[in-house]
Protein backbone atom coordinates (compact mmCIF):
# COMPACT_ATOMS: atom_id res chain seq x y z
CA MET A 1 0.07 0.16 -0.16
CA GLU A 2 1.29 3.58 -0.76
CA LYS A 3 0.90 6.16 1.46
CA GLY A 4 -2.83 7.62 1.37
CA ASP A 5 -4.00 4.84 0.04
CA ASP A 6 -7.59 3.50 1.82
CA ALA A 7 -8.48 0.17 3.19
CA ALA A 8 -10.48 -1.95 1.00
CA PRO A 9 -14.15 -1.58 2.48
CA PRO A 10 -15.46 -4.68 4.44
CA ASP A 11 -17.94 -5.69 1.51
CA ARG A 12 -15.58 -5.63 -1.06
CA LEU A 13 -14.57 -9.08 -1.52
CA ARG A 14 -17.31 -11.76 -1.04
CA PRO A 15 -17.24 -15.54 -1.45
CA ALA A 16 -18.40 -16.83 -5.02
CA ASN A 17 -20.50 -19.23 -2.84
CA ASP A 18 -22.21 -16.76 -0.74
CA ASN A 19 -25.52 -17.40 -2.07
CA GLU A 20 -27.61 -15.94 0.40
CA PRO A 21 -31.35 -17.82 0.28
CA ALA A 22 -34.13 -15.51 -0.84
CA GLN A 23 -36.70 -17.21 1.46
CA GLN A 24 -36.81 -20.42 3.68
CA PRO A 25 -36.16 -23.80 2.37
CA PRO A 26 -39.77 -25.71 1.41
CA ASP A 27 -41.24 -27.27 4.77
CA ILE A 28 -40.70 -30.75 3.29
CA ASP A 29 -41.63 -34.38 5.81
CA VAL A 30 -38.39 -35.77 6.27
CA GLU A 31 -39.74 -38.71 7.75
CA ALA A 32 -41.37 -39.73 4.46
CA ALA A 33 -38.45 -38.90 2.43
CA LEU A 34 -36.06 -40.98 4.62
CA THR A 35 -38.81 -44.10 3.99
CA ARG A 36 -38.98 -43.48 0.58
CA ILE A 37 -34.87 -43.75 0.13
CA ALA A 38 -35.03 -46.83 2.35
CA GLU A 39 -37.52 -48.78 0.17
CA ALA A 40 -35.46 -47.75 -2.68
CA ILE A 41 -32.27 -49.09 -1.14
CA GLY A 42 -33.93 -52.10 0.02
CA ARG A 43 -35.37 -52.66 -3.53
CA HIS A 44 -31.83 -52.36 -4.74
CA ILE A 45 -30.41 -54.89 -2.32
CA ALA A 46 -33.28 -57.17 -3.04
CA ARG A 47 -32.42 -57.29 -6.67
CA GLU A 48 -28.52 -57.68 -6.08
CA HIS A 49 -29.65 -60.82 -4.09
CA ILE A 50 -31.93 -62.21 -6.48
CA ARG A 51 -29.10 -61.73 -9.44
CA ALA A 52 -26.75 -63.20 -7.35
CA TRP A 53 -29.14 -66.33 -6.42
CA ARG A 54 -30.27 -67.04 -10.27
CA ALA A 55 -26.37 -66.61 -11.08
CA ALA A 56 -25.52 -69.80 -8.80
CA ASN A 57 -28.24 -71.92 -9.86
CA ASP A 58 -28.10 -71.38 -13.39
CA ASN A 59 -27.34 -75.24 -14.43
CA GLU A 60 -29.79 -77.41 -16.08
CA PRO A 61 -31.55 -79.38 -14.82
CA GLU A 62 -30.22 -83.10 -14.72
CA THR A 63 -32.30 -85.43 -17.41
CA SER A 64 -32.76 -89.23 -16.48
CA LYS A 65 -31.98 -91.44 -19.39
């Protein structure tokens, strides 16, 4: 700084992600949202188990001669 320079105003520099919310976030039912997520995860896990079970049992049935 040179002699006679003033300090920068306090609001001159702001973070790039300083997105102050213009309004309150919407009211959501957190319990219902978590239940939906848990159900989706459960279905995904069940599908993985079914695929693994089918892959382990993919042999053709034996035919008696």
